[in-house]
PDB file of N, CA and C in Angstrom:
ATOM      1  N   MET A   1     445.233  45.570  58.050  1.00  0.00           N
ATOM      2  CA  MET A   1     445.879  44.978  59.213  1.00  0.00           C
ATOM      3  C   MET A   1     444.900  44.903  60.405  1.00  0.00           C
ATOM      4  N   LEU A   2     444.141  45.960  60.610  1.00  0.00           N
ATOM      5  CA  LEU A   2     443.210  45.910  61.757  1.00  0.00           C
ATOM      6  C   LEU A   2     442.117  44.843  61.535  1.00  0.00           C
ATOM      7  N   ALA A   3     441.672  44.695  60.305  1.00  0.00           N
ATOM      8  CA  ALA A   3     440.693  43.651  59.991  1.00  0.00           C
ATOM      9  C   ALA A   3     441.300  42.293  60.260  1.00  0.00           C
ATOM     10  N   ASP A   4     442.550  42.071  59.920  1.00  0.00           N
ATOM     11  CA  ASP A   4     443.204  40.812  60.191  1.00  0.00           C
ATOM     12  C   ASP A   4     443.293  40.522  61.709  1.00  0.00           C
ATOM     13  N   LEU A   5     443.588  41.555  62.480  1.00  0.00           N
ATOM     14  CA  LEU A   5     443.678  41.450  63.918  1.00  0.00           C
ATOM     15  C   LEU A   5     442.321  41.047  64.499  1.00  0.00           C
ATOM     16  N   VAL A   6     441.272  41.684  64.063  1.00  0.00           N
ATOM     17  CA  VAL A   6     439.927  41.380  64.573  1.00  0.00           C
ATOM     18  C   VAL A   6     439.574  39.940  64.196  1.00  0.00           C
ATOM     19  N   ARG A   7     439.852  39.559  62.949  1.00  0.00           N
ATOM     20  CA  ARG A   7     439.567  38.163  62.520  1.00  0.00           C
ATOM     21  C   ARG A   7     440.301  37.159  63.389  1.00  0.00           C
ATOM     22  N   LEU A   8     441.591  37.406  63.633  1.00  0.00           N
ATOM     23  CA  LEU A   8     442.389  36.551  64.470  1.00  0.00           C
ATOM     24  C   LEU A   8     441.847  36.470  65.884  1.00  0.00           C
ATOM     25  N   MET A   9     441.479  37.631  66.448  1.00  0.00           N
ATOM     26  CA  MET A   9     440.923  37.644  67.796  1.00  0.00           C
ATOM     27  C   MET A   9     439.649  36.754  67.884  1.00  0.00           C
ATOM     28  N   ILE A  10     438.798  36.913  66.923  1.00  0.00           N
ATOM     29  CA  ILE A  10     437.554  36.155  66.976  1.00  0.00           C
ATOM     30  C   ILE A  10     437.796  34.664  66.850  1.00  0.00           C
ATOM     31  N   ARG A  11     438.694  34.315  65.965  1.00  0.00           N
ATOM     32  CA  ARG A  11     438.998  32.907  65.700  1.00  0.00           C
ATOM     33  C   ARG A  11     439.780  32.255  66.845  1.00  0.00           C
ATOM     34  N   GLU A  12     440.813  32.913  67.356  1.00  0.00           N
ATOM     35  CA  GLU A  12     441.769  32.278  68.250  1.00  0.00           C
ATOM     36  C   GLU A  12     441.564  32.585  69.748  1.00  0.00           C
ATOM     37  N   LEU A  13     441.026  33.739  70.097  1.00  0.00           N
ATOM     38  CA  LEU A  13     441.012  34.130  71.487  1.00  0.00           C
ATOM     39  C   LEU A  13     439.735  33.819  72.201  1.00  0.00           C
ATOM     40  N   THR A  14     438.756  33.214  71.579  1.00  0.00           N
ATOM     41  CA  THR A  14     437.476  32.899  72.233  1.00  0.00           C
ATOM     42  C   THR A  14     437.696  31.920  73.424  1.00  0.00           C
ATOM     43  N   GLY A  15     438.709  31.138  73.411  1.00  0.00           N
ATOM     44  CA  GLY A  15     438.999  30.243  74.503  1.00  0.00           C
ATOM     45  C   GLY A  15     439.687  30.908  75.696  1.00  0.00           C
ATOM     46  N   PHE A  16     440.008  32.213  75.494  1.00  0.00           N
ATOM     47  CA  PHE A  16     440.705  32.974  76.556  1.00  0.00           C
ATOM     48  C   PHE A  16     439.946  34.264  76.751  1.00  0.00           C
ATOM     49  N   PRO A  17     438.841  34.247  77.457  1.00  0.00           N
ATOM     50  CA  PRO A  17     437.951  35.399  77.534  1.00  0.00           C
ATOM     51  C   PRO A  17     438.603  36.656  78.136  1.00  0.00           C
ATOM     52  N   GLU A  18     439.489  36.515  79.118  1.00  0.00           N
ATOM     53  CA  GLU A  18     440.133  37.692  79.707  1.00  0.00           C
ATOM     54  C   GLU A  18     441.080  38.349  78.702  1.00  0.00           C
ATOM     55  N   LEU A  19     441.830  37.562  77.999  1.00  0.00           N
ATOM     56  CA  LEU A  19     442.747  38.105  77.020  1.00  0.00           C
ATOM     57  C   LEU A  19     441.953  38.695  75.822  1.00  0.00           C
ATOM     58  N   PHE A  20     440.871  38.022  75.455  1.00  0.00           N
ATOM     59  CA  PHE A  20     440.052  38.522  74.382  1.00  0.00           C
ATOM     60  C   PHE A  20     439.495  39.881  74.752  1.00  0.00           C
ATOM     61  N   GLU A  21     438.983  40.000  75.942  1.00  0.00           N
ATOM     62  CA  GLU A  21     438.348  41.278  76.361  1.00  0.00           C
ATOM     63  C   GLU A  21     439.364  42.440  76.358  1.00  0.00           C
ATOM     64  N   SER A  22     440.552  42.177  76.857  1.00  0.00           N
ATOM     65  CA  SER A  22     441.559  43.259  76.878  1.00  0.00           C
ATOM     66  C   SER A  22     441.952  43.668  75.449  1.00  0.00           C
ATOM     67  N   ARG A  23     442.084  42.733  74.577  1.00  0.00           N
ATOM     68  CA  ARG A  23     442.430  43.029  73.201  1.00  0.00           C
ATOM     69  C   ARG A  23     441.281  43.746  72.515  1.00  0.00           C
ATOM     70  N   ARG A  24     440.053  43.345  72.803  1.00  0.00           N
ATOM     71  CA  ARG A  24     438.898  43.949  72.228  1.00  0.00           C
ATOM     72  C   ARG A  24     438.787  45.447  72.605  1.00  0.00           C
ATOM     73  N   GLN A  25     439.086  45.716  73.849  1.00  0.00           N
ATOM     74  CA  GLN A  25     439.099  47.132  74.318  1.00  0.00           C
ATOM     75  C   GLN A  25     440.158  47.918  73.605  1.00  0.00           C
ATOM     76  N   GLY A  26     441.301  47.331  73.386  1.00  0.00           N
ATOM     77  CA  GLY A  26     442.343  48.013  72.679  1.00  0.00           C
ATOM     78  C   GLY A  26     441.956  48.356  71.244  1.00  0.00           C
ATOM     79  N   VAL A  27     441.355  47.377  70.536  1.00  0.00           N
ATOM     80  CA  VAL A  27     440.964  47.564  69.157  1.00  0.00           C
ATOM     81  C   VAL A  27     439.843  48.589  69.097  1.00  0.00           C
ATOM     82  N   LEU A  28     438.909  48.585  70.015  1.00  0.00           N
ATOM     83  CA  LEU A  28     437.841  49.577  70.010  1.00  0.00           C
ATOM     84  C   LEU A  28     438.405  50.962  70.255  1.00  0.00           C
ATOM     85  N   ALA A  29     439.394  51.119  71.133  1.00  0.00           N
ATOM     86  CA  ALA A  29     439.973  52.407  71.416  1.00  0.00           C
ATOM     87  C   ALA A  29     440.605  52.968  70.127  1.00  0.00           C
ATOM     88  N   ILE A  30     441.269  52.092  69.358  1.00  0.00           N
ATOM     89  CA  ILE A  30     441.877  52.560  68.093  1.00  0.00           C
ATOM     90  C   ILE A  30     440.808  52.990  67.118  1.00  0.00           C
ATOM     91  N   LEU A  31     439.751  52.169  67.010  1.00  0.00           N
ATOM     92  CA  LEU A  31     438.682  52.490  66.086  1.00  0.00           C
ATOM     93  C   LEU A  31     438.008  53.789  66.445  1.00  0.00           C
ATOM     94  N   TYR A  32     437.705  54.013  67.677  1.00  0.00           N
ATOM     95  CA  TYR A  32     437.094  55.261  68.150  1.00  0.00           C
ATOM     96  C   TYR A  32     438.004  56.439  67.857  1.00  0.00           C
ATOM     97  N   ARG A  33     439.342  56.297  68.157  1.00  0.00           N
ATOM     98  CA  ARG A  33     440.237  57.407  67.935  1.00  0.00           C
ATOM     99  C   ARG A  33     440.320  57.780  66.449  1.00  0.00           C
ATOM    100  N   ARG A  34     440.466  56.769  65.590  1.00  0.00           N
ATOM    101  CA  ARG A  34     440.586  57.026  64.187  1.00  0.00           C
ATOM    102  C   ARG A  34     439.282  57.606  63.609  1.00  0.00           C
ATOM    103  N   GLY A  35     438.148  57.084  64.095  1.00  0.00           N
ATOM    104  CA  GLY A  35     436.850  57.630  63.642  1.00  0.00           C
ATOM    105  C   GLY A  35     436.687  59.073  64.067  1.00  0.00           C
ATOM    106  N   THR A  36     437.128  59.375  65.279  1.00  0.00           N
ATOM    107  CA  THR A  36     437.068  60.773  65.774  1.00  0.00           C
ATOM    108  C   THR A  36     437.978  61.680  64.943  1.00  0.00           C
ATOM    109  N   GLU A  37     439.139  61.204  64.624  1.00  0.00           N
ATOM    110  CA  GLU A  37     440.049  62.010  63.802  1.00  0.00           C
ATOM    111  C   GLU A  37     439.457  62.264  62.437  1.00  0.00           C
ATOM    112  N   TRP A  38     438.881  61.273  61.854  1.00  0.00           N
ATOM    113  CA  TRP A  38     438.288  61.384  60.506  1.00  0.00           C
ATOM    114  C   TRP A  38     437.112  62.411  60.538  1.00  0.00           C
ATOM    115  N   ILE A  39     436.221  62.246  61.491  1.00  0.00           N
ATOM    116  CA  ILE A  39     435.057  63.184  61.578  1.00  0.00           C
ATOM    117  C   ILE A  39     435.531  64.560  61.885  1.00  0.00           C
ATOM    118  N   THR A  40     436.515  64.723  62.772  1.00  0.00           N
ATOM    119  CA  THR A  40     437.076  66.042  63.051  1.00  0.00           C
ATOM    120  C   THR A  40     437.665  66.705  61.849  1.00  0.00           C
ATOM    121  N   THR A  41     438.378  65.923  61.038  1.00  0.00           N
ATOM    122  CA  THR A  41     438.937  66.455  59.805  1.00  0.00           C
ATOM    123  C   THR A  41     437.831  66.929  58.860  1.00  0.00           C
ATOM    124  N   LEU A  42     436.841  66.109  58.700  1.00  0.00           N
ATOM    125  CA  LEU A  42     435.679  66.541  57.817  1.00  0.00           C
ATOM    126  C   LEU A  42     435.043  67.831  58.300  1.00  0.00           C
ATOM    127  N   ARG A  43     434.866  67.903  59.648  1.00  0.00           N
ATOM    128  CA  ARG A  43     434.238  69.084  60.244  1.00  0.00           C
ATOM    129  C   ARG A  43     435.145  70.285  60.000  1.00  0.00           C
ATOM    130  N   ASP A  44     436.459  70.176  60.246  1.00  0.00           N
ATOM    131  CA  ASP A  44     437.382  71.290  60.074  1.00  0.00           C
ATOM    132  C   ASP A  44     437.474  71.765  58.651  1.00  0.00           C
ATOM    133  N   GLN A  45     437.274  70.850  57.691  1.00  0.00           N
ATOM    134  CA  GLN A  45     437.305  71.192  56.277  1.00  0.00           C
ATOM    135  C   GLN A  45     435.953  71.762  55.814  1.00  0.00           C
ATOM    136  N   GLY A  46     434.956  71.782  56.692  1.00  0.00           N
ATOM    137  CA  GLY A  46     433.670  72.293  56.335  1.00  0.00           C
ATOM    138  C   GLY A  46     432.854  71.291  55.483  1.00  0.00           C
ATOM    139  N   ARG A  47     433.224  70.047  55.501  1.00  0.00           N
ATOM    140  CA  ARG A  47     432.559  69.031  54.705  1.00  0.00           C
ATOM    141  C   ARG A  47     431.495  68.318  55.487  1.00  0.00           C
ATOM    142  N   ALA A  48     431.425  68.559  56.790  1.00  0.00           N
ATOM    143  CA  ALA A  48     430.395  67.914  57.615  1.00  0.00           C
ATOM    144  C   ALA A  48     430.018  68.858  58.761  1.00  0.00           C
ATOM    145  N   ASP A  49     428.731  68.897  59.075  1.00  0.00           N
ATOM    146  CA  ASP A  49     428.227  69.672  60.217  1.00  0.00           C
ATOM    147  C   ASP A  49     428.037  68.673  61.334  1.00  0.00           C
ATOM    148  N   VAL A  50     428.940  68.718  62.308  1.00  0.00           N
ATOM    149  CA  VAL A  50     428.948  67.668  63.348  1.00  0.00           C
ATOM    150  C   VAL A  50     428.767  68.313  64.726  1.00  0.00           C
ATOM    151  N   THR A  51     427.853  67.762  65.484  1.00  0.00           N
ATOM    152  CA  THR A  51     427.687  68.186  66.894  1.00  0.00           C
ATOM    153  C   THR A  51     427.951  66.935  67.738  1.00  0.00           C
ATOM    154  N   ASP A  52     428.401  67.187  68.940  1.00  0.00           N
ATOM    155  CA  ASP A  52     428.718  66.096  69.845  1.00  0.00           C
ATOM    156  C   ASP A  52     427.393  65.482  70.354  1.00  0.00           C
ATOM    157  N   PRO A  53     427.163  64.184  70.081  1.00  0.00           N
ATOM    158  CA  PRO A  53     425.887  63.560  70.548  1.00  0.00           C
ATOM    159  C   PRO A  53     425.813  63.431  72.046  1.00  0.00           C
ATOM    160  N   GLU A  54     426.956  63.489  72.728  1.00  0.00           N
ATOM    161  CA  GLU A  54     426.999  63.375  74.165  1.00  0.00           C
ATOM    162  C   GLU A  54     427.879  64.486  74.714  1.00  0.00           C
ATOM    163  N   PRO A  55     427.387  65.737  74.706  1.00  0.00           N
ATOM    164  CA  PRO A  55     428.241  66.821  75.220  1.00  0.00           C
ATOM    165  C   PRO A  55     428.545  66.603  76.693  1.00  0.00           C
ATOM    166  N   PRO A  56     429.625  67.161  77.168  1.00  0.00           N
ATOM    167  CA  PRO A  56     429.980  66.996  78.566  1.00  0.00           C
ATOM    168  C   PRO A  56     428.938  67.650  79.465  1.00  0.00           C
ATOM    169  N   PRO A  57     428.792  67.172  80.644  1.00  0.00           N
ATOM    170  CA  PRO A  57     427.804  67.741  81.582  1.00  0.00           C
ATOM    171  C   PRO A  57     428.181  69.175  81.893  1.00  0.00           C
ATOM    172  N   PRO A  58     427.187  70.061  82.155  1.00  0.00           N
ATOM    173  CA  PRO A  58     427.530  71.438  82.420  1.00  0.00           C
ATOM    174  C   PRO A  58     428.314  71.528  83.753  1.00  0.00           C
ATOM    175  N   CYS A  59     429.217  72.531  83.790  1.00  0.00           N
ATOM    176  CA  CYS A  59     430.022  72.711  84.970  1.00  0.00           C
ATOM    177  C   CYS A  59     429.185  73.438  85.998  1.00  0.00           C
ATOM    178  N   SER A  60     429.274  73.001  87.193  1.00  0.00           N
ATOM    179  CA  SER A  60     428.537  73.680  88.251  1.00  0.00           C
ATOM    180  C   SER A  60     429.411  74.790  88.786  1.00  0.00           C
ATOM    181  N   SER A  61     428.801  75.904  89.099  1.00  0.00           N
ATOM    182  CA  SER A  61     429.561  77.046  89.599  1.00  0.00           C
ATOM    183  C   SER A  61     429.864  76.788  91.076  1.00  0.00           C
ATOM    184  N   PRO A  62     431.010  77.209  91.536  1.00  0.00           N
ATOM    185  CA  PRO A  62     431.387  76.964  92.924  1.00  0.00           C
ATOM    186  C   PRO A  62     430.438  77.712  93.860  1.00  0.00           C
ATOM    187  N   PRO A  63     430.179  77.188  95.059  1.00  0.00           N
ATOM    188  CA  PRO A  63     429.259  77.867  95.981  1.00  0.00           C
ATOM    189  C   PRO A  63     429.749  79.206  96.512  1.00  0.00           C
TER     190      PRO A  63
END
C-alpha cells in the first residue's frame, strides 16, 4: 500500500508542489518510524548491534 501511495504521489501530485511536499513529509515520517521500530526490535532481540549515528547533544550543566 505504501508503495502504491508513493507511485501515485510521483505520478499525480507533481503539478501541485505544495501538496506533494506535505504528502512526501508524511510518507517519510512513516518510513522513518517503521524503520526505527524494525531496527529497535532487532537490537532488543540481540540480532543487531546498533548505535545512534546522531546521538543527542550533551546536556550542559546549570551554572
